[in-house]
Amino acid sequence: MVRNFVEELKWRGLLHDCIPGTEELLAKESCSGYIGFDPTADSLGVGNLVQVMTLVHFQRAGHKPIALVGGATGMVGDPSGKSQERNLLDEHQLKHNLDCQKRQLEKFLDFNCGSNSAEIVNNFDWFKTFSFLDFIRDVGKHISINYMLAKDSVQNRMGSGMSFTEFSYQLVQGFDFYYLWKNKGVKVQMGGSDQWGNIVTGTELIRRKGSGEAFALTTPLIKKSDGTKFGKSESGNVWLDAAKTSPYRFFQFWLNASDEDAQQYIRIFTLLSKEEVAALENEHLKDPGRRILQNALAKDVTIRVHSESAYLSALEASGILFGKGTTESLSQLSEQDLLSVFEGVPQVEVAKAELEKGFPAVDFLSERTGIFASKGEARKMIAGGGVSINKIRLEDVAYILSGKELLNNKYILVQKGKKNYFLVKVT
C-alpha cells in the first residue's frame, strides 16, 4: 500500500508548495519523480540533504526516486538564488564531481528493490548530441520570452545583469523534465522553493510540446533560527565527504544546534516517526541541559552519512575535549580528527631532532614552548599534578621527553590544569 507522501512531508515541515492534483496523484498510484543536484562540487553538502531526504521519503512511500545529476546544466549555471554568474566547469571536472556525488547518493537510496528502485541519470547523456539549432527550434519556440522574463530568478538579476547562458537555464531544466516525462514516464519533479520557476517551466513545456500533464512540489529553504543560512559552520560549508568535513566536525555541527533548530532538524533529517520525535521532545523538555534532541539528531545523521564506527569515534573525540577521554582513545584519532578536536588550541612547533636527543619536560614546557612562564612555575605545576602529556598526568618533575610521546608521529598534547590545552607540532 502506498503511503501518503505529501502528508509525510507536511508533518516533517518539508512541504512548501505543490501543483494542484499532485497529492491526489501520489496517493492514487506509484509514480516516478526526480530531483536535480548541482554538480559544481565533488561532494554534496548538508544543504543537499533536504532534497536527498525528500527522495528517501518518496521511495519509502512506494514511489520511484530519480536523482538527476546535472552534467549538462552544470556547464550552464543556474541563476536561481544567485547574485552573480558563477564559474562554469569543464567536462573533466564535472565527471569527477558527478562520480563522487553518485557514491554519496547510494548511501541513502535503495537501488535494488524492484519496481521502485532508485536511479541516477545525467542530463549530459541527452544534451551531448542536441545541437543549438535543434534546441531553439524544438524547445525554445514553445516558451515565450514574456513567460521567461516573469520568473523571479530572472527579475532579481535584471538590475545587475544576466548572461544569455543563465537566461536559457530554465529552458534547459525544463527540457530535462520533458525528456524524463517522455522517456521514463516521470510525472513529478521536486526541489527547493527557489527552483519553483524552473520546475513549472518543465510542466509548461510538457503541456505545450507534449500535450501532457506533469506535477511538482517544492520544499522550503531551511534557515537557522537566527536567520543565518543552514549548512554553514564557522569554518565554512559542512560537506558529506569525510575528507572535506571530518566525521567529528560533522557530528559537532548537529550537536551544536540550538533547541529550536534541533526540533526542526530532527524531523527533516532523520527517519524517526512522529511518535519517536514527540517522545524525544518530551524527554528533552524535562532536562534541556542533557541535549537529548541534539544527541539523537547527531547520532542518526552521522551514522547514515558516515558509519556507526565514525559516530563512535566522534563521540570519543568529543569526550577527549571535555576531559572524559583516555590516552588510548587519543592515540586512535586520525590527524584530521585530532586537529578538528583541538581547533583553536594554541600551537607550538618543535624540531624532531630536539626531542630525539631527550628534552627535560620542565625546559620543554617553559623555555622551549612558553606554555609556562618559567621553569619554576612548570616544576611547581608538575609536582602538584596539574600537567598532562597526551592525557597522562606527568608525575615526575625530572621526566625526559624522547619522541615516544608523539601522536600520529607529529603531535604532543599538553594539558595545563583542567581546561587549558596546547598542541605541540613536531617537525
Protein backbone atom coordinates (compact mmCIF):
# COMPACT_ATOMS: atom_id res chain seq x y z
CA MET A 1 0.00 0.00 0.00
CA VAL A 2 1.35 3.43 -1.00
CA ARG A 3 1.70 5.81 1.95
CA ASN A 4 0.64 9.43 1.70
CA PHE A 5 3.93 11.03 0.72
CA VAL A 6 2.65 14.60 0.91
CA GLU A 7 1.25 14.08 4.42
CA GLU A 8 4.67 12.76 5.46
CA LEU A 9 6.32 15.91 4.13
CA LYS A 10 3.77 18.14 5.85
CA TRP A 11 4.33 16.89 9.40
CA ARG A 12 8.09 16.99 8.87
CA GLY A 13 7.93 20.62 7.73
CA LEU A 14 9.17 19.66 4.28
CA LEU A 15 6.37 20.94 2.08
CA HIS A 16 6.42 24.45 0.66
CA ASP A 17 4.23 24.36 -2.44
CA CYS A 18 2.77 21.92 -4.92
CA ILE A 19 0.81 21.98 -8.16
CA PRO A 20 -2.89 21.15 -7.61
CA GLY A 21 -3.52 17.46 -8.09
CA THR A 22 -0.02 16.38 -7.01
CA GLU A 23 -1.11 14.94 -3.66
CA GLU A 24 -4.04 13.10 -5.23
CA LEU A 25 -1.82 11.59 -7.93
CA LEU A 26 0.78 10.34 -5.43
CA ALA A 27 -1.87 8.91 -3.12
CA LYS A 28 -3.53 7.07 -6.01
CA GLU A 29 -0.58 5.38 -7.75
CA SER A 30 3.12 4.64 -7.65
CA CYS A 31 4.95 7.32 -9.65
CA SER A 32 8.43 8.21 -10.80
CA GLY A 33 9.74 11.56 -9.58
CA TYR A 34 13.08 13.32 -9.75
CA ILE A 35 15.23 15.97 -8.14
CA GLY A 36 18.25 17.63 -9.75
CA PHE A 37 21.58 18.04 -7.96
CA ASP A 38 24.15 20.75 -8.65
CA PRO A 39 27.48 19.17 -9.71
CA THR A 40 29.72 22.18 -9.01
CA ALA A 41 31.49 20.42 -6.10
CA ASP A 42 32.85 16.90 -5.68
CA SER A 43 30.73 16.40 -2.57
CA LEU A 44 27.18 17.10 -1.54
CA GLY A 45 26.78 19.35 1.48
CA VAL A 46 24.32 19.14 4.35
CA GLY A 47 22.15 21.64 2.47
CA ASN A 48 21.62 18.95 -0.19
CA LEU A 49 20.37 16.56 2.49
CA VAL A 50 16.95 18.24 2.39
CA GLN A 51 16.48 17.03 -1.19
CA VAL A 52 18.14 13.67 -0.50
CA MET A 53 15.69 13.06 2.35
CA THR A 54 12.79 14.10 0.09
CA LEU A 55 13.81 11.33 -2.32
CA VAL A 56 14.18 8.89 0.60
CA HIS A 57 10.61 9.62 1.77
CA PHE A 58 9.41 9.41 -1.82
CA GLN A 59 10.87 5.91 -2.13
CA ARG A 60 9.57 4.82 1.29
CA ALA A 61 6.11 5.86 0.15
CA GLY A 62 6.32 3.35 -2.69
CA HIS A 63 7.43 5.68 -5.49
CA LYS A 64 10.48 5.52 -7.76
CA PRO A 65 13.09 8.20 -6.97
CA ILE A 66 15.40 9.51 -9.67
CA ALA A 67 18.38 11.69 -8.85
CA LEU A 68 19.40 13.80 -11.81
CA VAL A 69 23.00 14.92 -11.70
CA GLY A 70 23.44 17.91 -13.94
CA GLY A 71 26.37 17.14 -16.19
CA ALA A 72 24.89 19.48 -18.81
CA THR A 73 23.26 22.10 -16.60
CA GLY A 74 26.48 22.32 -14.59
CA MET A 75 28.07 23.73 -17.73
CA VAL A 76 25.44 26.48 -17.87
CA GLY A 77 24.84 27.63 -14.30
CA ASP A 78 21.51 28.08 -12.51
CA PRO A 79 20.79 31.76 -11.68
CA SER A 80 18.19 30.87 -9.00
CA GLY A 81 19.16 32.48 -5.71
CA LYS A 82 22.42 33.82 -7.16
CA SER A 83 23.50 37.45 -7.26
CA GLN A 84 26.14 36.92 -9.93
CA GLU A 85 27.15 34.41 -12.58
CA ARG A 86 29.19 31.51 -11.28
CA ASN A 87 32.25 29.91 -12.85
CA LEU A 88 31.45 27.19 -15.37
CA LEU A 89 33.13 23.80 -15.17
CA ASP A 90 34.81 21.75 -17.86
CA GLU A 91 33.70 18.22 -18.74
CA HIS A 92 36.58 16.51 -16.90
CA GLN A 93 35.90 18.31 -13.60
CA LEU A 94 32.17 17.72 -13.93
CA LYS A 95 32.66 13.98 -14.43
CA HIS A 96 34.80 13.77 -11.29
CA ASN A 97 32.20 15.70 -9.27
CA LEU A 98 29.35 13.56 -10.56
CA ASP A 99 31.12 10.30 -9.73
CA CYS A 100 31.74 11.50 -6.16
CA GLN A 101 28.13 12.62 -5.67
CA LYS A 102 26.78 9.33 -7.02
CA ARG A 103 28.68 7.40 -4.35
CA GLN A 104 27.12 9.59 -1.66
CA LEU A 105 23.58 9.23 -3.00
CA GLU A 106 23.96 5.46 -2.97
CA LYS A 107 24.24 5.58 0.83
CA PHE A 108 20.67 6.82 1.15
CA LEU A 109 18.61 5.35 -1.66
CA ASP A 110 17.86 1.70 -2.44
CA PHE A 111 18.96 0.87 -5.98
CA ASN A 112 17.86 -2.76 -5.87
CA CYS A 113 14.32 -3.09 -4.53
CA GLY A 114 12.24 -3.91 -7.58
CA SER A 115 9.97 -1.56 -9.48
CA ASN A 116 10.69 1.46 -7.32
CA SER A 117 14.46 1.04 -7.25
CA ALA A 118 16.27 4.37 -7.25
CA GLU A 119 18.03 5.52 -10.39
CA ILE A 120 20.67 8.14 -11.17
CA VAL A 121 20.62 9.92 -14.52
CA ASN A 122 22.93 12.51 -16.05
CA ASN A 123 21.35 15.12 -18.32
CA PHE A 124 24.59 15.35 -20.32
CA ASP A 125 23.56 11.99 -21.80
CA TRP A 126 20.68 13.57 -23.73
CA PHE A 127 22.16 17.01 -24.29
CA LYS A 128 25.54 15.96 -25.71
CA THR A 129 24.07 15.29 -29.18
CA PHE A 130 21.42 18.03 -29.06
CA SER A 131 22.55 20.88 -31.35
CA PHE A 132 21.84 24.50 -30.51
CA LEU A 133 19.71 24.98 -33.64
CA ASP A 134 17.65 21.89 -32.85
CA PHE A 135 17.17 23.09 -29.29
CA ILE A 136 15.88 26.56 -30.15
CA ARG A 137 13.64 25.09 -32.87
CA ASP A 138 12.21 22.16 -30.91
CA VAL A 139 12.18 23.60 -27.39
CA GLY A 140 12.61 27.37 -27.48
CA LYS A 141 9.59 28.00 -29.71
CA HIS A 142 7.23 26.58 -27.05
CA ILE A 143 8.14 29.04 -24.26
CA SER A 144 7.69 32.79 -24.77
CA ILE A 145 10.17 35.47 -23.74
CA ASN A 146 7.43 37.10 -21.63
CA TYR A 147 6.94 33.84 -19.73
CA MET A 148 10.69 33.55 -19.04
CA LEU A 149 11.08 37.21 -18.04
CA ALA A 150 8.34 36.88 -15.43
CA LYS A 151 10.36 34.39 -13.36
CA ASP A 152 11.75 35.67 -10.05
CA SER A 153 15.17 34.20 -10.83
CA VAL A 154 15.32 36.50 -13.88
CA GLN A 155 13.68 39.57 -12.33
CA ASN A 156 16.09 39.50 -9.38
CA ARG A 157 19.02 39.78 -11.76
CA MET A 158 17.70 42.39 -14.18
CA GLY A 159 19.45 45.21 -12.33
CA SER A 160 22.88 43.60 -12.11
CA GLY A 161 22.71 41.86 -15.47
CA MET A 162 22.31 38.29 -16.65
CA SER A 163 24.01 36.46 -19.48
CA PHE A 164 22.06 34.67 -22.19
CA THR A 165 23.66 31.46 -20.86
CA GLU A 166 21.97 31.87 -17.49
CA PHE A 167 18.76 33.20 -19.02
CA SER A 168 18.44 29.98 -21.01
CA TYR A 169 18.87 27.79 -17.93
CA GLN A 170 15.15 27.43 -17.24
CA LEU A 171 14.64 26.06 -20.76
CA VAL A 172 17.42 23.53 -20.25
CA GLN A 173 15.99 22.36 -16.92
CA GLY A 174 12.51 22.42 -18.39
CA PHE A 175 13.66 20.10 -21.16
CA ASP A 176 15.09 17.71 -18.54
CA PHE A 177 11.58 17.28 -17.14
CA TYR A 178 10.13 16.88 -20.63
CA TYR A 179 12.76 14.27 -21.57
CA LEU A 180 12.22 12.25 -18.39
CA TRP A 181 8.44 12.53 -18.74
CA LYS A 182 8.57 11.27 -22.34
CA ASN A 183 11.29 8.61 -21.98
CA LYS A 184 10.99 7.40 -18.38
CA GLY A 185 7.38 8.19 -17.51
CA VAL A 186 8.39 10.70 -14.82
CA LYS A 187 5.34 12.65 -13.66
CA VAL A 188 6.72 14.66 -10.74
CA GLN A 189 9.65 16.99 -10.25
CA MET A 190 10.68 18.10 -6.76
CA GLY A 191 13.19 20.63 -5.47
CA GLY A 192 13.81 23.60 -3.20
CA SER A 193 11.38 26.51 -3.26
CA ASP A 194 13.95 28.60 -5.19
CA GLN A 195 13.53 26.11 -8.06
CA TRP A 196 9.79 26.65 -8.48
CA GLY A 197 10.16 28.82 -11.60
CA ASN A 198 12.44 26.32 -13.34
CA ILE A 199 10.23 23.39 -12.36
CA VAL A 200 6.98 24.88 -13.65
CA THR A 201 8.73 25.75 -16.92
CA GLY A 202 9.14 21.99 -17.29
CA THR A 203 5.44 21.33 -16.64
CA GLU A 204 4.58 24.05 -19.14
CA LEU A 205 6.87 22.54 -21.78
CA ILE A 206 5.28 19.12 -21.23
CA ARG A 207 1.84 20.70 -21.68
CA ARG A 208 2.74 22.71 -24.80
CA LYS A 209 5.19 20.39 -26.56
CA GLY A 210 3.87 17.01 -25.43
CA SER A 211 0.19 17.81 -24.73
CA GLY A 212 0.76 16.04 -21.40
CA GLU A 213 0.30 16.73 -17.72
CA ALA A 214 3.02 16.82 -15.09
CA PHE A 215 3.18 17.75 -11.42
CA ALA A 216 5.57 19.37 -8.98
CA LEU A 217 6.24 20.13 -5.35
CA THR A 218 8.89 22.10 -3.52
CA THR A 219 10.44 22.06 -0.08
CA PRO A 220 11.16 25.18 2.00
CA LEU A 221 14.65 26.65 2.15
CA ILE A 222 15.99 25.72 5.57
CA LYS A 223 17.37 28.50 7.74
CA LYS A 224 18.71 28.54 11.27
CA SER A 225 16.57 30.10 13.99
CA ASP A 226 18.85 33.17 13.99
CA GLY A 227 18.11 33.71 10.29
CA THR A 228 21.53 32.62 9.02
CA LYS A 229 21.99 30.14 6.20
CA PHE A 230 21.71 26.46 7.04
CA GLY A 231 24.61 24.23 6.05
CA LYS A 232 27.41 26.54 7.13
CA SER A 233 29.65 26.28 10.18
CA GLU A 234 32.19 28.79 11.47
CA SER A 235 34.79 27.15 9.25
CA GLY A 236 32.61 27.10 6.11
CA ASN A 237 30.46 24.54 4.32
CA VAL A 238 29.62 21.27 6.04
CA TRP A 239 30.26 18.51 3.49
CA LEU A 240 29.23 14.84 3.40
CA ASP A 241 32.74 13.85 2.29
CA ALA A 242 34.83 12.90 5.34
CA ALA A 243 37.95 14.34 3.66
CA LYS A 244 36.30 17.78 3.44
CA THR A 245 34.47 17.77 6.78
CA SER A 246 35.72 15.23 9.31
CA PRO A 247 33.11 12.97 10.95
CA TYR A 248 33.95 14.69 14.26
CA ARG A 249 33.27 18.15 12.86
CA PHE A 250 30.16 16.82 11.08
CA PHE A 251 28.90 15.35 14.37
CA GLN A 252 29.60 18.61 16.17
CA PHE A 253 27.61 20.60 13.59
CA TRP A 254 24.43 18.77 14.57
CA LEU A 255 25.29 18.56 18.25
CA ASN A 256 25.69 22.35 18.45
CA ALA A 257 22.23 23.09 17.01
CA SER A 258 20.00 25.28 19.16
CA ASP A 259 16.96 23.66 20.78
CA GLU A 260 14.69 25.35 18.25
CA ASP A 261 16.79 24.21 15.30
CA ALA A 262 17.18 20.66 16.65
CA GLN A 263 13.39 20.41 16.88
CA GLN A 264 13.17 21.30 13.18
CA TYR A 265 16.17 19.26 12.02
CA ILE A 266 15.18 16.01 13.71
CA ARG A 267 12.00 15.98 11.62
CA ILE A 268 13.76 16.83 8.37
CA PHE A 269 16.99 14.87 8.51
CA THR A 270 16.07 11.64 10.32
CA LEU A 271 13.61 8.84 9.61
CA LEU A 272 12.28 8.83 13.17
CA SER A 273 8.50 8.54 13.32
CA LYS A 274 6.16 11.25 14.60
CA GLU A 275 5.75 9.30 17.85
CA GLU A 276 9.50 8.84 18.32
CA VAL A 277 10.14 12.53 17.73
CA ALA A 278 7.40 13.51 20.20
CA ALA A 279 8.89 11.19 22.85
CA LEU A 280 12.35 12.72 22.38
CA GLU A 281 10.94 16.24 22.62
CA ASN A 282 9.14 15.41 25.88
CA GLU A 283 12.32 13.90 27.33
CA HIS A 284 14.32 16.92 26.19
CA LEU A 285 11.92 19.33 27.90
CA LYS A 286 12.42 17.59 31.25
CA ASP A 287 16.13 18.35 31.21
CA PRO A 288 17.28 20.58 28.30
CA GLY A 289 20.84 20.51 29.63
CA ARG A 290 21.22 16.89 28.53
CA ARG A 291 20.55 17.98 24.93
CA ILE A 292 18.52 14.85 24.17
CA LEU A 293 17.33 16.15 20.79
CA GLN A 294 20.76 17.23 19.63
CA ASN A 295 22.39 13.94 20.64
CA ALA A 296 19.70 11.86 18.90
CA LEU A 297 19.96 14.02 15.78
CA ALA A 298 23.76 13.97 15.64
CA LYS A 299 23.88 10.21 16.15
CA ASP A 300 21.28 9.43 13.48
CA VAL A 301 22.70 11.65 10.75
CA THR A 302 26.37 10.85 11.42
CA ILE A 303 25.74 7.11 11.23
CA ARG A 304 23.81 7.39 7.97
CA VAL A 305 26.26 9.74 6.27
CA HIS A 306 29.44 8.09 7.57
CA SER A 307 29.10 4.92 9.68
CA GLU A 308 28.49 3.73 13.21
CA SER A 309 32.23 3.44 13.83
CA ALA A 310 32.70 7.04 12.63
CA TYR A 311 29.94 8.14 15.03
CA LEU A 312 31.57 6.29 17.96
CA SER A 313 34.93 7.87 17.11
CA ALA A 314 33.33 11.32 17.00
CA LEU A 315 31.67 10.63 20.36
CA GLU A 316 35.01 9.54 21.81
CA ALA A 317 36.73 12.61 20.39
CA SER A 318 34.09 14.86 21.95
CA GLY A 319 34.79 13.23 25.31
CA ILE A 320 38.52 13.92 24.96
CA LEU A 321 37.99 17.65 24.67
CA PHE A 322 35.84 17.73 27.79
CA GLY A 323 38.20 15.66 29.89
CA LYS A 324 36.47 12.28 29.56
CA GLY A 325 38.80 10.73 27.00
CA THR A 326 41.70 8.35 27.59
CA THR A 327 45.23 8.16 26.25
CA GLU A 328 44.22 5.16 24.17
CA SER A 329 41.28 6.99 22.58
CA LEU A 330 43.51 10.00 21.90
CA SER A 331 46.12 7.85 20.15
CA GLN A 332 43.46 6.33 17.92
CA LEU A 333 42.35 9.68 16.50
CA SER A 334 43.32 10.38 12.90
CA GLU A 335 45.36 13.52 12.32
CA GLN A 336 42.28 15.16 10.77
CA ASP A 337 40.13 14.41 13.82
CA LEU A 338 42.90 15.40 16.23
CA LEU A 339 43.21 18.81 14.55
CA SER A 340 39.41 19.14 14.41
CA VAL A 341 39.01 18.39 18.12
CA PHE A 342 41.69 20.86 19.11
CA GLU A 343 40.96 23.54 16.53
CA GLY A 344 41.71 26.93 18.02
CA VAL A 345 44.02 25.48 20.67
CA PRO A 346 47.40 27.30 20.79
CA GLN A 347 50.04 25.50 18.71
CA VAL A 348 53.81 25.50 19.07
CA GLU A 349 56.37 23.96 16.69
CA VAL A 350 59.39 21.98 17.87
CA ALA A 351 62.11 20.27 15.82
CA LYS A 352 62.03 16.47 15.99
CA ALA A 353 65.80 16.38 16.43
CA GLU A 354 65.45 18.21 19.74
CA LEU A 355 63.20 15.52 21.13
CA GLU A 356 65.33 12.64 19.88
CA LYS A 357 68.23 13.95 21.98
CA GLY A 358 65.99 13.89 25.04
CA PHE A 359 64.31 17.03 26.35
CA PRO A 360 63.68 17.69 30.07
CA ALA A 361 59.92 18.27 30.47
CA VAL A 362 60.46 21.35 32.65
CA ASP A 363 62.62 23.01 29.98
CA PHE A 364 60.29 21.87 27.19
CA LEU A 365 57.20 23.33 28.91
CA SER A 366 58.79 26.64 29.80
CA GLU A 367 61.75 27.92 27.80
CA ARG A 368 61.08 25.91 24.61
CA THR A 369 57.30 26.19 24.18
CA GLY A 370 56.33 29.03 26.52
CA ILE A 371 53.41 27.04 27.93
CA PHE A 372 54.72 28.11 31.36
CA ALA A 373 56.35 31.48 32.01
CA SER A 374 59.24 29.95 33.94
CA LYS A 375 60.89 26.68 34.93
CA GLY A 376 59.81 27.26 38.50
CA GLU A 377 56.15 27.54 37.52
CA ALA A 378 56.39 24.42 35.34
CA ARG A 379 58.12 22.45 38.11
CA LYS A 380 55.52 23.52 40.70
CA MET A 381 52.58 22.66 38.41
CA ILE A 382 54.02 19.21 37.59
CA ALA A 383 54.63 18.48 41.27
CA GLY A 384 51.03 19.42 42.01
CA GLY A 385 49.66 17.04 39.36
CA GLY A 386 48.45 19.86 37.13
CA VAL A 387 50.20 18.86 33.88
CA SER A 388 49.28 16.04 31.50
CA ILE A 389 51.03 14.83 28.34
CA ASN A 390 48.63 13.10 25.94
CA LYS A 391 46.08 12.73 28.79
CA ILE A 392 48.65 11.08 31.09
CA ARG A 393 49.37 13.03 34.25
CA LEU A 394 53.01 13.99 34.48
CA GLU A 395 54.19 12.97 37.97
CA ASP A 396 57.97 13.11 37.66
CA VAL A 397 59.49 16.59 37.63
CA ALA A 398 62.63 15.06 36.08
CA TYR A 399 60.73 13.42 33.19
CA ILE A 400 62.58 13.46 29.86
CA LEU A 401 60.62 13.74 26.59
CA SER A 402 62.14 11.50 23.92
CA GLY A 403 59.73 11.41 20.97
CA LYS A 404 57.84 8.27 22.03
CA GLU A 405 55.04 10.59 23.09
CA LEU A 406 54.21 11.60 19.52
CA LEU A 407 50.61 11.28 18.30
CA ASN A 408 50.36 10.50 14.58
CA ASN A 409 54.16 10.74 14.63
CA LYS A 410 53.77 14.51 14.72
CA TYR A 411 51.97 15.95 17.77
CA ILE A 412 52.13 16.14 21.56
CA LEU A 413 49.10 17.28 23.51
CA VAL A 414 49.86 19.24 26.67
CA GLN A 415 47.15 19.94 29.22
CA LYS A 416 47.72 22.65 31.81
CA GLY A 417 45.17 22.48 34.59
CA LYS A 418 41.69 21.25 33.69
CA LYS A 419 40.83 23.29 30.61
CA ASN A 420 43.98 24.71 29.02
CA TYR A 421 45.28 22.68 26.08
CA PHE A 422 48.33 23.23 23.88
CA LEU A 423 49.20 21.26 20.75
CA VAL A 424 52.90 20.89 20.06
CA LYS A 425 53.66 20.13 16.43
CA VAL A 426 56.93 18.26 15.96
CA THR A 427 58.54 18.79 12.55
